[in-house]
Amino acid sequence: MAATTTTTTAEGKGRGIRRVITGTVTSTKMHKTVVVTVSRRFRDKKFHKFISRRVRYKAHDEENSCQVGDLVELVESRPYSKTKRWRVARTLSKARPEDQAS
């Protein structure tokens, strides 16, 4: 499971504040698009047990450089298509070869 961080960052003048999240690449079958799964854990308010939630984002990958299993950082951006609203900012760690085989 990938660690999730939601922080704010300012990119240049006039661009406003953009969200940055971290997740794991789960699919690279589309051209210049990757599917990134972001998992988060939080404590339930009533029963106080930990709950896991995951969200899948489609993100723009201009160079097609991401592989399945890579840990990437996504930045909120303009709409690239009907479902793409995120862009791959950088790759934090590459996938190990045994992760790609499964």
Protein backbone atom coordinates (compact mmCIF):
# COMPACT_ATOMS: atom_id res chain seq x y z
CA MET A 1 0.00 0.00 0.00
CA ALA A 2 1.27 3.42 -0.87
CA ALA A 3 1.46 6.19 1.66
CA THR A 4 -0.84 9.07 0.93
CA THR A 5 0.08 12.65 1.49
CA THR A 6 -2.17 15.51 0.62
CA THR A 7 -0.25 18.74 0.74
CA THR A 8 -0.52 22.05 -0.98
CA THR A 9 2.06 23.65 -3.20
CA ALA A 10 2.27 26.81 -5.25
CA GLU A 11 3.56 26.42 -8.79
CA GLY A 12 4.52 29.68 -10.42
CA LYS A 13 2.64 32.95 -10.43
CA GLY A 14 -1.07 32.91 -11.06
CA ARG A 15 -1.44 29.13 -11.08
CA GLY A 16 -2.90 28.90 -7.61
CA ILE A 17 -2.52 26.12 -5.10
CA ARG A 18 -2.42 22.56 -6.41
CA ARG A 19 -2.88 19.33 -4.50
CA VAL A 20 -0.07 16.77 -4.46
CA ILE A 21 -0.75 13.09 -3.74
CA THR A 22 1.38 9.95 -3.73
CA GLY A 23 0.31 6.55 -5.03
CA THR A 24 1.26 3.34 -6.82
CA VAL A 25 0.91 2.80 -10.58
CA THR A 26 -1.52 -0.07 -11.23
CA SER A 27 -2.04 0.12 -15.00
CA THR A 28 -0.10 1.49 -17.99
CA LYS A 29 -2.19 0.06 -20.85
CA MET A 30 -3.32 3.43 -22.21
CA HIS A 31 -1.19 5.76 -24.31
CA LYS A 32 0.29 8.61 -22.18
CA THR A 33 -2.04 7.64 -19.31
CA VAL A 34 -1.43 5.70 -16.11
CA VAL A 35 -3.86 4.54 -13.44
CA VAL A 36 -2.58 5.33 -9.95
CA THR A 37 -4.06 3.78 -6.80
CA VAL A 38 -3.93 5.97 -3.69
CA SER A 39 -4.61 4.17 -0.39
CA ARG A 40 -5.29 5.86 2.90
CA ARG A 41 -6.04 4.64 6.42
CA PHE A 42 -8.08 6.55 8.97
CA ARG A 43 -9.70 5.85 12.30
CA ASP A 44 -13.48 5.39 12.47
CA LYS A 45 -15.13 8.04 14.63
CA LYS A 46 -17.73 5.76 16.20
CA PHE A 47 -16.02 2.36 16.55
CA HIS A 48 -12.38 3.58 16.65
CA LYS A 49 -11.09 0.91 14.30
CA PHE A 50 -8.86 1.62 11.32
CA ILE A 51 -10.49 1.68 7.89
CA SER A 52 -8.64 1.44 4.57
CA ARG A 53 -9.90 3.28 1.52
CA ARG A 54 -8.46 3.39 -1.98
CA VAL A 55 -9.09 5.71 -4.90
CA ARG A 56 -7.92 5.19 -8.48
CA TYR A 57 -6.86 8.25 -10.45
CA LYS A 58 -6.08 8.47 -14.16
CA ALA A 59 -3.00 10.64 -14.63
CA HIS A 60 -1.17 12.08 -17.62
CA ASP A 61 2.30 10.57 -18.25
CA GLU A 62 3.85 12.53 -21.12
CA GLU A 63 6.93 10.29 -21.66
CA ASN A 64 5.22 6.92 -20.97
CA SER A 65 8.01 6.33 -18.45
CA CYS A 66 5.98 4.80 -15.61
CA GLN A 67 5.79 1.05 -15.02
CA VAL A 68 3.35 -0.97 -12.92
CA GLY A 69 4.43 -0.85 -9.29
CA ASP A 70 6.21 2.53 -9.42
CA LEU A 71 5.62 4.95 -6.57
CA VAL A 72 4.73 8.30 -8.15
CA GLU A 73 3.75 11.80 -7.11
CA LEU A 74 0.68 13.32 -8.79
CA VAL A 75 -0.08 17.02 -9.15
CA GLU A 76 -3.52 18.44 -9.78
CA SER A 77 -3.72 20.00 -13.26
CA ARG A 78 -6.02 21.13 -16.02
CA PRO A 79 -8.43 18.58 -17.53
CA TYR A 80 -6.60 16.48 -20.13
CA SER A 81 -9.70 14.44 -20.98
CA LYS A 82 -13.07 13.43 -19.53
CA THR A 83 -11.47 11.53 -16.63
CA LYS A 84 -7.86 12.81 -16.45
CA ARG A 85 -7.32 15.67 -14.00
CA TRP A 86 -3.88 14.72 -12.63
CA ARG A 87 -0.34 14.75 -13.99
CA VAL A 88 2.65 12.62 -12.97
CA ALA A 89 5.09 15.08 -11.39
CA ARG A 90 7.92 12.65 -10.61
CA THR A 91 8.70 9.03 -9.87
CA LEU A 92 9.67 8.51 -6.24
CA SER A 93 10.80 4.88 -6.61
CA LYS A 94 10.86 2.40 -9.46
CA ALA A 95 9.21 -1.01 -9.24
CA ARG A 96 11.31 -4.05 -8.49
CA PRO A 97 11.45 -6.69 -11.28
CA GLU A 98 9.60 -9.33 -9.20
CA ASP A 99 6.67 -6.91 -8.73
CA GLN A 100 6.17 -6.65 -12.49
CA ALA A 101 6.08 -10.44 -13.02
CA SER A 102 2.98 -10.97 -10.89
